[in-house]
C-alpha atoms as a PDB file:
ATOM      1  CA  MET A   1      20.286  30.315  28.941  1.00  0.00           C
ATOM      2  CA  SER A   2      20.959  29.879  25.396  1.00  0.00           C
ATOM      3  CA  GLN A   3      18.062  30.408  23.096  1.00  0.00           C
ATOM      4  CA  ASP A   4      16.855  27.884  20.587  1.00  0.00           C
ATOM      5  CA  PRO A   5      15.677  29.791  17.093  1.00  0.00           C
ATOM      6  CA  ASN A   6      13.593  26.797  16.355  1.00  0.00           C
ATOM      7  CA  LYS A   7      11.379  27.141  19.622  1.00  0.00           C
ATOM      8  CA  THR A   8      10.851  30.859  19.004  1.00  0.00           C
ATOM      9  CA  LEU A   9       7.104  32.409  18.366  1.00  0.00           C
ATOM     10  CA  ARG A  10       6.843  35.139  15.972  1.00  0.00           C
ATOM     11  CA  LEU A  11       3.772  36.796  15.066  1.00  0.00           C
ATOM     12  CA  GLU A  12       3.836  39.016  11.880  1.00  0.00           C
ATOM     13  CA  ASN A  13       0.337  41.444  11.077  1.00  0.00           C
ATOM     14  CA  VAL A  14      -2.062  39.043  12.082  1.00  0.00           C
ATOM     15  CA  HIS A  15      -5.298  39.442  11.553  1.00  0.00           C
ATOM     16  CA  ALA A  16      -8.193  37.856  12.870  1.00  0.00           C
ATOM     17  CA  PHE A  17     -12.114  37.777  12.738  1.00  0.00           C
ATOM     18  CA  TYR A  18     -15.347  36.607  14.964  1.00  0.00           C
ATOM     19  CA  GLY A  19     -17.899  36.368  11.725  1.00  0.00           C
ATOM     20  CA  LYS A  20     -17.859  40.116  10.282  1.00  0.00           C
ATOM     21  CA  SER A  21     -16.039  41.583  13.369  1.00  0.00           C
ATOM     22  CA  HIS A  22     -12.544  42.323  13.026  1.00  0.00           C
ATOM     23  CA  VAL A  23     -10.982  41.586  16.317  1.00  0.00           C
ATOM     24  CA  LEU A  24      -6.940  41.457  15.988  1.00  0.00           C
ATOM     25  CA  HIS A  25      -5.527  44.511  13.592  1.00  0.00           C
ATOM     26  CA  GLY A  26      -1.951  43.409  12.409  1.00  0.00           C
ATOM     27  CA  VAL A  27      -0.766  42.226  15.600  1.00  0.00           C
ATOM     28  CA  SER A  28       2.826  41.263  15.737  1.00  0.00           C
ATOM     29  CA  MET A  29       5.038  40.007  18.649  1.00  0.00           C
ATOM     30  CA  GLU A  30       8.151  37.302  19.402  1.00  0.00           C
ATOM     31  CA  LEU A  31       8.377  34.980  22.235  1.00  0.00           C
ATOM     32  CA  ARG A  32      11.820  33.197  22.759  1.00  0.00           C
ATOM     33  CA  SER A  33      13.015  30.313  23.922  1.00  0.00           C
ATOM     34  CA  GLY A  34      12.922  30.366  27.417  1.00  0.00           C
ATOM     35  CA  GLU A  35      11.170  33.638  28.272  1.00  0.00           C
ATOM     36  CA  ILE A  36       8.238  34.564  30.188  1.00  0.00           C
ATOM     37  CA  VAL A  37       6.363  37.226  28.229  1.00  0.00           C
ATOM     38  CA  SER A  38       2.968  38.975  29.312  1.00  0.00           C
ATOM     39  CA  LEU A  39       0.188  40.069  27.176  1.00  0.00           C
ATOM     40  CA  LEU A  40      -1.515  42.513  29.265  1.00  0.00           C
ATOM     41  CA  GLY A  41      -4.639  44.922  28.402  1.00  0.00           C
ATOM     42  CA  ARG A  42      -8.222  45.138  29.512  1.00  0.00           C
ATOM     43  CA  ASN A  43     -10.972  42.684  28.742  1.00  0.00           C
ATOM     44  CA  GLY A  44     -11.920  42.829  25.276  1.00  0.00           C
ATOM     45  CA  SER A  45      -8.649  44.414  23.888  1.00  0.00           C
ATOM     46  CA  GLY A  46      -7.626  40.847  21.996  1.00  0.00           C
ATOM     47  CA  ARG A  47      -5.970  38.956  24.304  1.00  0.00           C
ATOM     48  CA  SER A  48      -7.359  35.793  24.267  1.00  0.00           C
ATOM     49  CA  THR A  49      -8.337  35.751  20.573  1.00  0.00           C
ATOM     50  CA  THR A  50      -4.525  36.323  19.749  1.00  0.00           C
ATOM     51  CA  VAL A  51      -3.776  32.981  21.816  1.00  0.00           C
ATOM     52  CA  LYS A  52      -6.951  30.997  20.305  1.00  0.00           C
ATOM     53  CA  THR A  53      -5.459  32.021  16.731  1.00  0.00           C
ATOM     54  CA  ILE A  54      -1.764  31.019  17.405  1.00  0.00           C
ATOM     55  CA  MET A  55      -3.118  27.501  18.497  1.00  0.00           C
ATOM     56  CA  GLY A  56      -5.563  27.191  15.347  1.00  0.00           C
ATOM     57  CA  GLN A  57      -8.667  27.605  17.454  1.00  0.00           C
ATOM     58  CA  VAL A  58      -9.573  31.325  15.581  1.00  0.00           C
ATOM     59  CA  ASP A  59      -8.945  31.567  11.837  1.00  0.00           C
ATOM     60  CA  GLY A  60      -6.293  34.418  11.009  1.00  0.00           C
ATOM     61  CA  SER A  61      -4.204  35.744   8.455  1.00  0.00           C
ATOM     62  CA  GLY A  62      -0.817  37.098   8.033  1.00  0.00           C
ATOM     63  CA  SER A  63       1.920  34.880   9.621  1.00  0.00           C
ATOM     64  CA  VAL A  64       2.323  32.835  12.967  1.00  0.00           C
ATOM     65  CA  ARG A  65       5.481  30.724  12.984  1.00  0.00           C
ATOM     66  CA  PHE A  66       7.175  28.531  15.669  1.00  0.00           C
ATOM     67  CA  GLY A  67      10.701  28.092  14.495  1.00  0.00           C
ATOM     68  CA  GLU A  68      10.017  27.705  10.912  1.00  0.00           C
ATOM     69  CA  ARG A  69       6.589  26.288  10.549  1.00  0.00           C
ATOM     70  CA  GLU A  70       3.718  28.328   9.912  1.00  0.00           C
ATOM     71  CA  LEU A  71       1.118  27.449  12.277  1.00  0.00           C
ATOM     72  CA  LEU A  72      -1.668  29.616  10.396  1.00  0.00           C
ATOM     73  CA  GLY A  73      -3.622  26.719   8.634  1.00  0.00           C
ATOM     74  CA  LEU A  74      -2.955  23.874  10.801  1.00  0.00           C
ATOM     75  CA  LYS A  75      -5.223  22.210  13.222  1.00  0.00           C
ATOM     76  CA  ALA A  76      -4.913  22.743  17.375  1.00  0.00           C
ATOM     77  CA  TYR A  77      -3.566  18.996  17.486  1.00  0.00           C
ATOM     78  CA  GLU A  78      -1.041  19.500  15.132  1.00  0.00           C
ATOM     79  CA  ILE A  79       0.066  22.789  16.726  1.00  0.00           C
ATOM     80  CA  ALA A  80       0.048  20.965  19.931  1.00  0.00           C
ATOM     81  CA  GLN A  81       2.162  18.325  18.622  1.00  0.00           C
ATOM     82  CA  LEU A  82       4.770  20.705  17.514  1.00  0.00           C
ATOM     83  CA  GLY A  83       5.445  21.713  21.015  1.00  0.00           C
ATOM     84  CA  LEU A  84       2.688  24.045  21.608  1.00  0.00           C
ATOM     85  CA  GLY A  85       0.614  23.878  24.677  1.00  0.00           C
ATOM     86  CA  TYR A  86      -2.751  26.313  25.894  1.00  0.00           C
ATOM     87  CA  VAL A  87      -4.127  26.479  29.209  1.00  0.00           C
ATOM     88  CA  PRO A  88      -7.428  28.415  28.684  1.00  0.00           C
ATOM     89  CA  GLU A  89      -9.232  30.604  30.901  1.00  0.00           C
ATOM     90  CA  ASN A  90     -12.308  27.935  31.474  1.00  0.00           C
ATOM     91  CA  ARG A  91     -10.404  25.647  33.261  1.00  0.00           C
ATOM     92  CA  ASP A  92     -11.632  22.821  30.693  1.00  0.00           C
ATOM     93  CA  ILE A  93     -11.355  19.940  32.681  1.00  0.00           C
ATOM     94  CA  PHE A  94     -13.076  16.478  32.462  1.00  0.00           C
ATOM     95  CA  PRO A  95     -15.288  16.611  35.373  1.00  0.00           C
ATOM     96  CA  LYS A  96     -16.291  13.119  35.651  1.00  0.00           C
ATOM     97  CA  LEU A  97     -12.801  11.606  35.839  1.00  0.00           C
ATOM     98  CA  THR A  98     -10.405  11.956  38.506  1.00  0.00           C
ATOM     99  CA  VAL A  99      -7.565  14.235  39.217  1.00  0.00           C
ATOM    100  CA  HIS A 100      -5.087  11.173  38.046  1.00  0.00           C
ATOM    101  CA  GLN A 101      -6.837  10.384  35.314  1.00  0.00           C
ATOM    102  CA  ASN A 102      -7.196  13.874  34.131  1.00  0.00           C
ATOM    103  CA  LEU A 103      -3.468  14.065  34.078  1.00  0.00           C
ATOM    104  CA  MET A 104      -2.535  10.769  32.091  1.00  0.00           C
ATOM    105  CA  LEU A 105      -4.944  12.372  29.423  1.00  0.00           C
ATOM    106  CA  GLY A 106      -2.393  14.942  29.030  1.00  0.00           C
ATOM    107  CA  GLN A 107       0.333  12.799  28.154  1.00  0.00           C
ATOM    108  CA  LYS A 108       1.706  11.993  24.642  1.00  0.00           C
ATOM    109  CA  SER A 109       4.177  10.224  23.333  1.00  0.00           C
ATOM    110  CA  ARG A 110       7.693  11.835  22.842  1.00  0.00           C
ATOM    111  CA  THR A 111      10.510  10.242  21.188  1.00  0.00           C
ATOM    112  CA  LYS A 112      12.977  12.662  20.447  1.00  0.00           C
ATOM    113  CA  ARG A 113      13.548  13.064  24.739  1.00  0.00           C
ATOM    114  CA  PRO A 114      12.653  11.964  27.901  1.00  0.00           C
ATOM    115  CA  PRO A 115       9.785  13.892  29.140  1.00  0.00           C
ATOM    116  CA  ARG A 116      10.597  17.372  31.245  1.00  0.00           C
ATOM    117  CA  TRP A 117       7.495  16.461  33.697  1.00  0.00           C
ATOM    118  CA  SER A 118       6.065  13.527  35.483  1.00  0.00           C
ATOM    119  CA  PHE A 119       3.132  12.840  37.889  1.00  0.00           C
ATOM    120  CA  GLU A 120       5.460  13.017  40.716  1.00  0.00           C
ATOM    121  CA  ASP A 121       6.313  16.654  39.620  1.00  0.00           C
ATOM    122  CA  MET A 122       3.059  17.516  39.018  1.00  0.00           C
ATOM    123  CA  TYR A 123       2.158  16.664  42.801  1.00  0.00           C
ATOM    124  CA  ARG A 124       5.323  18.220  44.613  1.00  0.00           C
ATOM    125  CA  MET A 125       4.384  21.443  43.056  1.00  0.00           C
ATOM    126  CA  PHE A 126       0.707  21.244  43.941  1.00  0.00           C
ATOM    127  CA  PRO A 127       0.236  18.938  47.175  1.00  0.00           C
ATOM    128  CA  ARG A 128      -3.162  19.637  47.260  1.00  0.00           C
ATOM    129  CA  LEU A 129      -3.325  17.454  43.788  1.00  0.00           C
ATOM    130  CA  LYS A 130      -1.670  14.592  45.410  1.00  0.00           C
ATOM    131  CA  GLU A 131      -4.151  14.702  48.203  1.00  0.00           C
ATOM    132  CA  ARG A 132      -7.022  14.491  45.652  1.00  0.00           C
ATOM    133  CA  GLN A 133      -5.483  12.722  42.733  1.00  0.00           C
ATOM    134  CA  HIS A 134      -8.510   9.911  43.213  1.00  0.00           C
ATOM    135  CA  THR A 135     -11.263  12.643  43.724  1.00  0.00           C
ATOM    136  CA  GLU A 136     -13.107  13.602  40.589  1.00  0.00           C
ATOM    137  CA  ALA A 137     -12.222  16.693  39.215  1.00  0.00           C
ATOM    138  CA  GLY A 138     -15.771  18.227  38.856  1.00  0.00           C
ATOM    139  CA  VAL A 139     -15.897  18.408  42.753  1.00  0.00           C
ATOM    140  CA  LEU A 140     -12.757  20.473  42.992  1.00  0.00           C
ATOM    141  CA  SER A 141     -12.495  24.190  43.952  1.00  0.00           C
ATOM    142  CA  GLY A 142     -11.853  26.478  41.283  1.00  0.00           C
ATOM    143  CA  GLY A 143      -8.107  27.232  42.586  1.00  0.00           C
ATOM    144  CA  GLU A 144      -7.783  23.383  42.215  1.00  0.00           C
ATOM    145  CA  GLN A 145      -9.254  22.818  38.982  1.00  0.00           C
ATOM    146  CA  GLN A 146      -6.780  25.674  37.732  1.00  0.00           C
ATOM    147  CA  MET A 147      -3.910  23.783  39.152  1.00  0.00           C
ATOM    148  CA  LEU A 148      -5.129  20.829  37.322  1.00  0.00           C
ATOM    149  CA  THR A 149      -5.544  22.565  34.468  1.00  0.00           C
ATOM    150  CA  LEU A 150      -2.182  24.032  34.266  1.00  0.00           C
ATOM    151  CA  CYS A 151      -0.396  20.460  35.296  1.00  0.00           C
ATOM    152  CA  ARG A 152      -2.466  18.636  32.478  1.00  0.00           C
ATOM    153  CA  THR A 153      -1.130  20.745  29.948  1.00  0.00           C
ATOM    154  CA  LEU A 154       2.203  20.063  31.192  1.00  0.00           C
ATOM    155  CA  MET A 155       2.202  16.281  31.085  1.00  0.00           C
ATOM    156  CA  GLY A 156       2.191  17.064  27.027  1.00  0.00           C
ATOM    157  CA  ASP A 157       5.378  18.117  27.424  1.00  0.00           C
ATOM    158  CA  PRO A 158       5.525  21.346  25.226  1.00  0.00           C
ATOM    159  CA  ASP A 159       8.479  23.570  24.605  1.00  0.00           C
ATOM    160  CA  LEU A 160       6.303  26.544  24.731  1.00  0.00           C
ATOM    161  CA  ILE A 161       3.194  27.214  26.640  1.00  0.00           C
ATOM    162  CA  MET A 162       0.228  29.964  26.832  1.00  0.00           C
ATOM    163  CA  ILE A 163      -1.476  30.605  29.867  1.00  0.00           C
ATOM    164  CA  ASP A 164      -4.776  32.667  29.842  1.00  0.00           C
ATOM    165  CA  GLU A 165      -5.673  34.445  32.976  1.00  0.00           C
ATOM    166  CA  PRO A 166      -4.328  31.870  35.527  1.00  0.00           C
ATOM    167  CA  THR A 167      -5.063  33.495  38.633  1.00  0.00           C
ATOM    168  CA  GLU A 168      -8.731  34.758  37.690  1.00  0.00           C
ATOM    169  CA  GLY A 169     -10.987  34.516  40.697  1.00  0.00           C
ATOM    170  CA  LEU A 170      -8.228  32.699  42.666  1.00  0.00           C
ATOM    171  CA  ALA A 171      -7.139  33.290  46.654  1.00  0.00           C
ATOM    172  CA  PRO A 172      -4.009  34.983  47.174  1.00  0.00           C
ATOM    173  CA  LYS A 173      -2.411  32.028  48.441  1.00  0.00           C
ATOM    174  CA  ILE A 174      -3.227  30.193  45.560  1.00  0.00           C
ATOM    175  CA  VAL A 175      -2.185  33.297  43.201  1.00  0.00           C
ATOM    176  CA  GLU A 176       1.270  32.775  44.669  1.00  0.00           C
ATOM    177  CA  LEU A 177       1.359  28.917  44.230  1.00  0.00           C
ATOM    178  CA  VAL A 178       0.745  30.123  40.820  1.00  0.00           C
ATOM    179  CA  ALA A 179       3.553  32.233  40.366  1.00  0.00           C
ATOM    180  CA  GLU A 180       5.970  29.935  41.616  1.00  0.00           C
ATOM    181  CA  TYR A 181       4.814  27.571  39.196  1.00  0.00           C
ATOM    182  CA  LEU A 182       5.444  29.877  36.255  1.00  0.00           C
ATOM    183  CA  LYS A 183       9.219  30.369  37.390  1.00  0.00           C
ATOM    184  CA  GLU A 184       9.666  26.764  37.967  1.00  0.00           C
ATOM    185  CA  LEU A 185       8.469  26.304  33.956  1.00  0.00           C
ATOM    186  CA  LYS A 186      11.354  29.219  32.927  1.00  0.00           C
ATOM    187  CA  ARG A 187      13.493  27.296  35.371  1.00  0.00           C
ATOM    188  CA  ARG A 188      12.816  24.299  33.300  1.00  0.00           C
ATOM    189  CA  GLY A 189      13.632  25.961  29.870  1.00  0.00           C
ATOM    190  CA  LEU A 190      10.178  26.438  28.839  1.00  0.00           C
ATOM    191  CA  ALA A 191       8.635  29.817  27.149  1.00  0.00           C
ATOM    192  CA  VAL A 192       5.623  31.139  28.658  1.00  0.00           C
ATOM    193  CA  LEU A 193       3.092  33.500  27.441  1.00  0.00           C
ATOM    194  CA  LEU A 194       0.937  34.914  30.146  1.00  0.00           C
ATOM    195  CA  VAL A 195      -2.198  36.511  29.369  1.00  0.00           C
ATOM    196  CA  GLU A 196      -2.731  38.478  32.965  1.00  0.00           C
ATOM    197  CA  GLN A 197      -4.807  41.145  34.148  1.00  0.00           C
ATOM    198  CA  LYS A 198      -3.262  41.417  37.422  1.00  0.00           C
ATOM    199  CA  LEU A 199      -0.283  43.923  36.476  1.00  0.00           C
ATOM    200  CA  ALA A 200       1.834  42.930  39.786  1.00  0.00           C
ATOM    201  CA  ILE A 201       2.028  39.298  39.052  1.00  0.00           C
ATOM    202  CA  ALA A 202       2.922  39.877  35.556  1.00  0.00           C
ATOM    203  CA  LEU A 203       5.552  42.526  35.921  1.00  0.00           C
ATOM    204  CA  GLU A 204       7.331  40.512  38.959  1.00  0.00           C
ATOM    205  CA  ILE A 205       7.783  37.399  36.832  1.00  0.00           C
ATOM    206  CA  SER A 206       8.044  38.551  33.125  1.00  0.00           C
ATOM    207  CA  GLU A 207      10.966  39.479  30.774  1.00  0.00           C
ATOM    208  CA  ARG A 208       9.040  41.791  28.409  1.00  0.00           C
ATOM    209  CA  CYS A 209       5.504  42.633  28.244  1.00  0.00           C
ATOM    210  CA  TYR A 210       3.262  43.643  25.390  1.00  0.00           C
ATOM    211  CA  VAL A 211       0.140  45.819  25.966  1.00  0.00           C
ATOM    212  CA  MET A 212      -2.972  45.708  24.107  1.00  0.00           C
ATOM    213  CA  GLY A 213      -5.575  47.996  22.939  1.00  0.00           C
ATOM    214  CA  HIS A 214      -8.583  47.798  20.589  1.00  0.00           C
ATOM    215  CA  GLY A 215      -6.751  44.629  19.020  1.00  0.00           C
ATOM    216  CA  ARG A 216      -3.239  46.068  18.527  1.00  0.00           C
ATOM    217  CA  ILE A 217       0.100  46.054  20.178  1.00  0.00           C
ATOM    218  CA  VAL A 218       0.159  49.515  21.974  1.00  0.00           C
ATOM    219  CA  PHE A 219       3.377  48.796  23.837  1.00  0.00           C
ATOM    220  CA  GLU A 220       6.182  46.807  23.996  1.00  0.00           C
ATOM    221  CA  GLY A 221       9.155  46.781  26.563  1.00  0.00           C
ATOM    222  CA  THR A 222      10.488  45.519  29.961  1.00  0.00           C
ATOM    223  CA  PRO A 223       8.575  45.678  33.095  1.00  0.00           C
ATOM    224  CA  ALA A 224      10.673  48.636  33.997  1.00  0.00           C
ATOM    225  CA  ASP A 225       9.519  50.700  31.193  1.00  0.00           C
ATOM    226  CA  LEU A 226       5.880  49.592  31.997  1.00  0.00           C
ATOM    227  CA  ARG A 227       6.176  50.953  35.631  1.00  0.00           C
ATOM    228  CA  ALA A 228       7.930  53.961  34.179  1.00  0.00           C
ATOM    229  CA  ASN A 229       5.057  55.008  31.632  1.00  0.00           C
ATOM    230  CA  ALA A 230       2.523  56.438  33.256  1.00  0.00           C
ATOM    231  CA  TYR A 231       0.586  56.999  30.152  1.00  0.00           C
ATOM    232  CA  VAL A 232       0.221  53.729  28.654  1.00  0.00           C
ATOM    233  CA  ARG A 233      -0.909  52.394  31.907  1.00  0.00           C
ATOM    234  CA  LYS A 234      -3.580  54.952  32.618  1.00  0.00           C
ATOM    235  CA  GLU A 235      -4.959  54.978  28.875  1.00  0.00           C
ATOM    236  CA  TRP A 236      -4.370  50.809  28.213  1.00  0.00           C
ATOM    237  CA  LEU A 237      -4.416  49.158  31.818  1.00  0.00           C
ATOM    238  CA  GLU A 238      -6.171  50.898  34.833  1.00  0.00           C
ATOM    239  CA  VAL A 239      -9.817  50.355  34.805  1.00  0.00           C
END
């Protein structure tokens, strides 16, 4: 698939703070259109802060560009309108609304092209959501809520989607479903930045990997490169 430079995400020398705490220390990375790239590291390494900074939820310095547009300084909703989607780790659903109503809230009007995704697509990928489409989201299991959060973000028809720990706490069968879902996104031309602790799934579906430690990028390469680098795995990934 040909890559579109207008849909490439580039971070250059990004710093971010929580109050006086310096969390990101000069992060530089790139995600091209149609790629799945994993951002790996232990808890506290800065992975979630990186995606929140991209999405305008944490103030940063340096440069975050999507195509020709600088994202730093924009509001989160402005960044979403440019074609970026974000699936947070905390499964931020609307508990008193039904599954279908949650998906409806994810929709946004796009005039440049027909939307890539429909309700039928969501229900085909995750039949359990179709079964429970009239159920309040707050009573769904954790795995079902994760499916719903992923699908609601897709209904906004992003060009690039950032997903924070999608398999956290899920049963193995649901993890397999999520992996297939991510591959489907790539087949449809989306770029995916995957924040994930499960090394196996990240290496299976990613084309490139970044490893973070102490707020810095400490490794960049292919899954094969990471498998061959015992030092990086031991020093920055293994518990």
